[in-house]
Structure formats: structure tokens, C-alpha cells
Amino acid sequence: MHLRLLTMALFAVVIAASASAQTPDLGAIARGTGTPGIPGLKMVWLAPWGDVTRAHPWRNIIVHQTEGPAGSARGGAQEQSKNPTRRGVTVWVETDGTVYWAVAENLVPTHGDGANRNDNKYIDNGPTYHQVIGSNSIGVEFAGNYPDVTRPATEAQIAAWRILVKVLRARYGIPLERVYAHDWIDFKDARYCEGCALATLARQQGE
């Protein structure tokens, strides 16, 4: 009886060790270079990663949602890749969950509106007012809320975001409290709260 229990216990340890070995180390992947495969993400690399120590010193993540149709992330990312500093972001997410890394991480696209929100409507804007801006924040754009801007992100986008935000935070050492919705830091479209559900999800899953 004791031998059987011991055998079962050893078997459980072996299974657990095997599962642990198969679990991807996102932290290690996130510190890499080139165009790594990231488990759970369909990545399209328009700009590869370089040496992370030479990346722009990103301090925040800003979640955007664009009033564009399904399929528009690809075009937006391609245009961003051709003109990196135009108004837009570094990373684009399509409705099917495809992630486009559009801009070299040492370049700074134009996004955000100067962190002009100071009404504490969603969060305490004391630390963000005129401080969480495009030049220190890596932007992620979720496409597909046209023609209804209140349409939430798709399940595929949400699944991709759960992984992507972990990768971004690990790569650039961004703490959980520095993940922001665009509407949290800027006065935006009054019809909906841009990026709020996604930023909230990121913070909750990291707790």
C-alpha cells in the first residue's frame, strides 16, 4: 500500500515537473531580440526587436481603440511602419487577435493628447496629468469598433492582450499601475471609454 502511494506521489511530481518545463518563460522571451515566437500570440513583425537596453525608455503602456473596421489594424500598422513617427502607435491588434509590431522600439510614434485629464474621473490623475504622454508611453491600438464605438474588443483581442501586456511589462519593466486606458489620462470621445475595459483587465489579471 505504501509503495503504491509512493509511486503515485512520484508520478505526480514527474507530471508537474514536465508541465512546468513546458510552460513558456515569457520573461525570458520578452528580453530577446529579433522576431521571436511568443506562445499564444500570432505576431506579425514589421519591425524586429533589437537589444532591449537600447530601446526607448518606455515607462507606461497606453491602451487605444481606433474607430476603424475589422481588418484595419494591418493597414494602420503598415502605414505606421513606413512613417514611424506619424500619429499612431507601436503595436496594433486586429479583431482576429493578430498582433502587428509596427515600429522599432527605439522610435516614438505620436499618440496621446498630452495627458490633459485632471478630473480624477477614472483614476487619480495627480500622477498622470501632463506626465503620461506619448514620448514615455508605448501605445497599443485595438482596431474594429466601427461603426459602433461602444463595441468591445473581441474575444480574440482580449486573449491576445492577456499575453501581450505581460510581454510588454516584462520587456520594459513597466509596473502594473502604469497600464492606462487612453480615456483615463486624456479627455476623449464622450460616447465610450476608450481602452478602459482592456486596461482594467490587465490590472486585474496582474493582481
Protein backbone atom coordinates (compact mmCIF):
# COMPACT_ATOMS: atom_id res chain seq x y z
CA MET A 1 0.00 0.00 0.00
CA HIS A 2 2.78 2.38 1.00
CA LEU A 3 4.73 1.50 -2.16
CA ARG A 4 1.68 2.26 -4.29
CA LEU A 5 1.18 5.64 -2.62
CA LEU A 6 4.86 6.46 -3.03
CA THR A 7 4.70 5.52 -6.72
CA MET A 8 1.64 7.71 -7.24
CA ALA A 9 3.31 10.63 -5.47
CA LEU A 10 6.45 10.31 -7.59
CA PHE A 11 4.33 10.12 -10.73
CA ALA A 12 2.53 13.33 -9.73
CA VAL A 13 5.88 15.08 -9.18
CA VAL A 14 7.13 13.98 -12.61
CA ILE A 15 3.94 15.21 -14.30
CA ALA A 16 4.14 18.56 -12.51
CA ALA A 17 7.81 18.96 -13.44
CA SER A 18 7.04 18.11 -17.06
CA ALA A 19 4.21 20.65 -17.18
CA SER A 20 6.47 23.27 -15.63
CA ALA A 21 9.15 22.58 -18.22
CA GLN A 22 6.64 23.04 -21.00
CA THR A 23 5.31 26.34 -19.63
CA PRO A 24 6.83 29.13 -21.73
CA ASP A 25 9.01 31.59 -19.87
CA LEU A 26 7.51 34.83 -21.17
CA GLY A 27 10.02 36.81 -19.16
CA ALA A 28 12.95 35.20 -20.98
CA ILE A 29 11.25 35.54 -24.36
CA ALA A 30 10.46 39.17 -23.63
CA ARG A 31 14.13 40.02 -23.17
CA GLY A 32 15.14 38.55 -26.52
CA THR A 33 15.91 40.04 -29.91
CA GLY A 34 14.74 39.55 -33.46
CA THR A 35 11.29 38.13 -34.21
CA PRO A 36 10.69 35.53 -31.51
CA GLY A 37 7.71 33.24 -31.48
CA ILE A 38 5.56 34.13 -28.48
CA PRO A 39 3.32 31.26 -27.36
CA GLY A 40 -0.35 32.19 -27.63
CA LEU A 41 0.26 35.15 -29.95
CA LYS A 42 0.09 35.40 -33.72
CA MET A 43 2.78 38.04 -34.23
CA VAL A 44 3.47 39.85 -37.48
CA TRP A 45 6.84 41.56 -37.18
CA LEU A 46 7.10 44.70 -39.31
CA ALA A 47 9.98 45.82 -37.08
CA PRO A 48 12.08 43.29 -35.16
CA TRP A 49 13.22 43.69 -31.59
CA GLY A 50 16.73 44.96 -31.04
CA ASP A 51 18.83 44.99 -27.89
CA VAL A 52 16.31 45.93 -25.20
CA THR A 53 18.91 48.00 -23.38
CA ARG A 54 18.92 50.32 -26.40
CA ALA A 55 15.14 50.61 -26.64
CA HIS A 56 13.41 53.87 -25.87
CA PRO A 57 12.88 54.10 -22.09
CA TRP A 58 9.18 53.24 -22.05
CA ARG A 59 7.65 53.91 -18.64
CA ASN A 60 3.94 53.36 -19.35
CA ILE A 61 1.53 51.45 -21.57
CA ILE A 62 -1.44 53.27 -23.09
CA VAL A 63 -4.34 51.26 -24.50
CA HIS A 64 -6.07 52.81 -27.51
CA GLN A 65 -9.09 51.77 -29.57
CA THR A 66 -9.45 53.05 -33.10
CA GLU A 67 -12.74 53.80 -34.80
CA GLY A 68 -11.93 51.59 -37.77
CA PRO A 69 -13.48 48.48 -39.31
CA ALA A 70 -12.33 44.93 -38.82
CA GLY A 71 -9.19 44.42 -40.86
CA SER A 72 -7.89 47.96 -40.40
CA ALA A 73 -5.09 47.11 -37.95
CA ARG A 74 -2.99 45.61 -40.74
CA GLY A 75 -3.24 48.74 -42.88
CA GLY A 76 -2.66 51.02 -39.91
CA ALA A 77 0.41 49.07 -38.85
CA GLN A 78 1.83 49.08 -42.37
CA GLU A 79 1.41 52.84 -42.67
CA GLN A 80 2.96 53.26 -39.24
CA SER A 81 5.90 51.12 -40.30
CA LYS A 82 6.51 53.37 -43.31
CA ASN A 83 6.29 56.55 -41.23
CA PRO A 84 7.06 55.56 -37.64
CA THR A 85 6.61 58.96 -36.01
CA ARG A 86 3.19 59.67 -37.56
CA ARG A 87 0.15 59.74 -35.30
CA GLY A 88 -0.34 56.15 -34.23
CA VAL A 89 1.26 53.51 -32.06
CA THR A 90 3.96 50.86 -31.89
CA VAL A 91 1.68 47.82 -31.61
CA TRP A 92 -1.62 47.14 -33.40
CA VAL A 93 -4.11 44.37 -32.59
CA GLU A 94 -6.59 43.09 -35.17
CA THR A 95 -10.07 41.75 -34.38
CA ASP A 96 -8.87 38.19 -35.01
CA GLY A 97 -6.15 38.64 -32.38
CA THR A 98 -3.25 39.12 -34.79
CA VAL A 99 -0.64 41.44 -33.29
CA TYR A 100 1.38 43.72 -35.56
CA TRP A 101 4.64 45.10 -34.17
CA ALA A 102 4.90 48.10 -36.45
CA VAL A 103 7.70 50.33 -35.19
CA ALA A 104 11.25 49.82 -33.99
CA GLU A 105 11.23 50.15 -30.22
CA ASN A 106 13.76 52.98 -30.19
CA LEU A 107 11.40 55.21 -32.20
CA VAL A 108 8.49 57.20 -30.77
CA PRO A 109 5.16 57.43 -32.64
CA THR A 110 2.87 60.38 -32.00
CA HIS A 111 -0.01 59.34 -29.74
CA GLY A 112 -1.87 60.63 -26.73
CA ASP A 113 -3.07 64.17 -26.17
CA GLY A 114 -0.65 65.43 -23.57
CA ALA A 115 -2.29 63.72 -20.57
CA ASN A 116 -4.74 66.58 -20.20
CA ARG A 117 -7.26 64.82 -17.97
CA ASN A 118 -7.22 66.16 -14.42
CA ASP A 119 -10.73 65.43 -13.14
CA ASN A 120 -9.96 62.12 -11.37
CA LYS A 121 -12.99 60.59 -13.09
CA TYR A 122 -11.48 57.16 -13.57
CA ILE A 123 -8.21 57.21 -11.66
CA ASP A 124 -6.20 59.64 -9.58
CA ASN A 125 -4.84 62.00 -12.23
CA GLY A 126 -2.31 63.56 -9.89
CA PRO A 127 0.50 61.24 -11.12
CA THR A 128 -0.68 61.29 -14.76
CA TYR A 129 -1.56 64.91 -15.54
CA HIS A 130 0.84 66.09 -18.27
CA GLN A 131 3.13 63.19 -17.31
CA VAL A 132 1.85 60.02 -19.03
CA ILE A 133 2.49 61.11 -22.61
CA GLY A 134 3.41 59.62 -25.95
CA SER A 135 7.12 60.17 -25.51
CA ASN A 136 7.31 57.93 -22.45
CA SER A 137 4.45 55.51 -23.16
CA ILE A 138 4.30 52.60 -25.56
CA GLY A 139 0.93 52.56 -27.32
CA VAL A 140 -1.22 49.57 -28.24
CA GLU A 141 -4.11 50.10 -30.69
CA PHE A 142 -7.11 47.77 -30.87
CA ALA A 143 -8.97 48.01 -34.18
CA GLY A 144 -12.55 47.21 -35.07
CA ASN A 145 -15.06 49.37 -33.18
CA TYR A 146 -16.63 50.86 -36.33
CA PRO A 147 -19.42 51.79 -36.85
CA ASP A 148 -20.33 51.34 -33.18
CA VAL A 149 -17.63 52.85 -30.99
CA THR A 150 -19.15 51.20 -27.91
CA ARG A 151 -18.43 47.75 -29.37
CA PRO A 152 -16.00 46.00 -27.02
CA ALA A 153 -12.81 44.25 -28.02
CA THR A 154 -13.32 40.78 -29.50
CA GLU A 155 -12.61 37.61 -27.55
CA ALA A 156 -9.57 37.04 -29.78
CA GLN A 157 -8.25 40.53 -28.99
CA ILE A 158 -8.79 40.00 -25.28
CA ALA A 159 -6.95 36.67 -25.38
CA ALA A 160 -4.05 38.28 -27.24
CA TRP A 161 -3.98 41.23 -24.84
CA ARG A 162 -3.70 38.97 -21.80
CA ILE A 163 -0.39 37.70 -23.15
CA LEU A 164 0.80 40.86 -24.89
CA VAL A 165 0.56 43.06 -21.82
CA LYS A 166 2.66 40.57 -19.83
CA VAL A 167 5.30 40.61 -22.56
CA LEU A 168 5.39 44.41 -22.71
CA ARG A 169 5.62 44.75 -18.96
CA ALA A 170 8.38 42.14 -18.72
CA ARG A 171 10.39 43.60 -21.61
CA TYR A 172 10.37 47.19 -20.42
CA GLY A 173 9.98 46.72 -16.67
CA ILE A 174 6.63 48.52 -16.57
CA PRO A 175 4.72 48.07 -13.30
CA LEU A 176 1.05 47.10 -13.33
CA GLU A 177 -0.12 50.51 -12.13
CA ARG A 178 1.40 52.12 -15.22
CA VAL A 179 -1.00 50.41 -17.64
CA TYR A 180 -3.50 53.10 -18.67
CA ALA A 181 -6.58 53.43 -20.82
CA HIS A 182 -6.42 56.42 -23.14
CA ASP A 183 -9.59 57.80 -21.59
CA TRP A 184 -8.07 57.61 -18.12
CA ILE A 185 -5.42 60.18 -18.99
CA ASP A 186 -6.99 62.26 -21.78
CA PHE A 187 -10.41 63.75 -22.44
CA LYS A 188 -11.68 61.57 -25.28
CA ASP A 189 -14.88 60.62 -27.11
CA ALA A 190 -17.78 61.04 -24.68
CA ARG A 191 -19.66 58.17 -26.33
CA TYR A 192 -17.45 55.49 -24.77
CA CYS A 193 -14.46 54.94 -22.53
CA GLU A 194 -11.54 54.26 -24.84
CA GLY A 195 -9.37 51.38 -23.67
CA CYS A 196 -10.91 51.25 -20.20
CA ALA A 197 -12.10 47.64 -20.21
CA LEU A 198 -8.77 46.40 -21.55
CA ALA A 199 -6.65 48.41 -19.13
CA THR A 200 -8.84 47.28 -16.24
CA LEU A 201 -8.50 43.66 -17.34
CA ALA A 202 -4.71 43.98 -17.46
CA ARG A 203 -4.56 45.39 -13.95
CA GLN A 204 -6.96 42.82 -12.54
CA GLN A 205 -5.21 39.81 -14.04
CA GLY A 206 -1.91 41.03 -12.65
CA GLU A 207 -3.13 41.36 -9.09
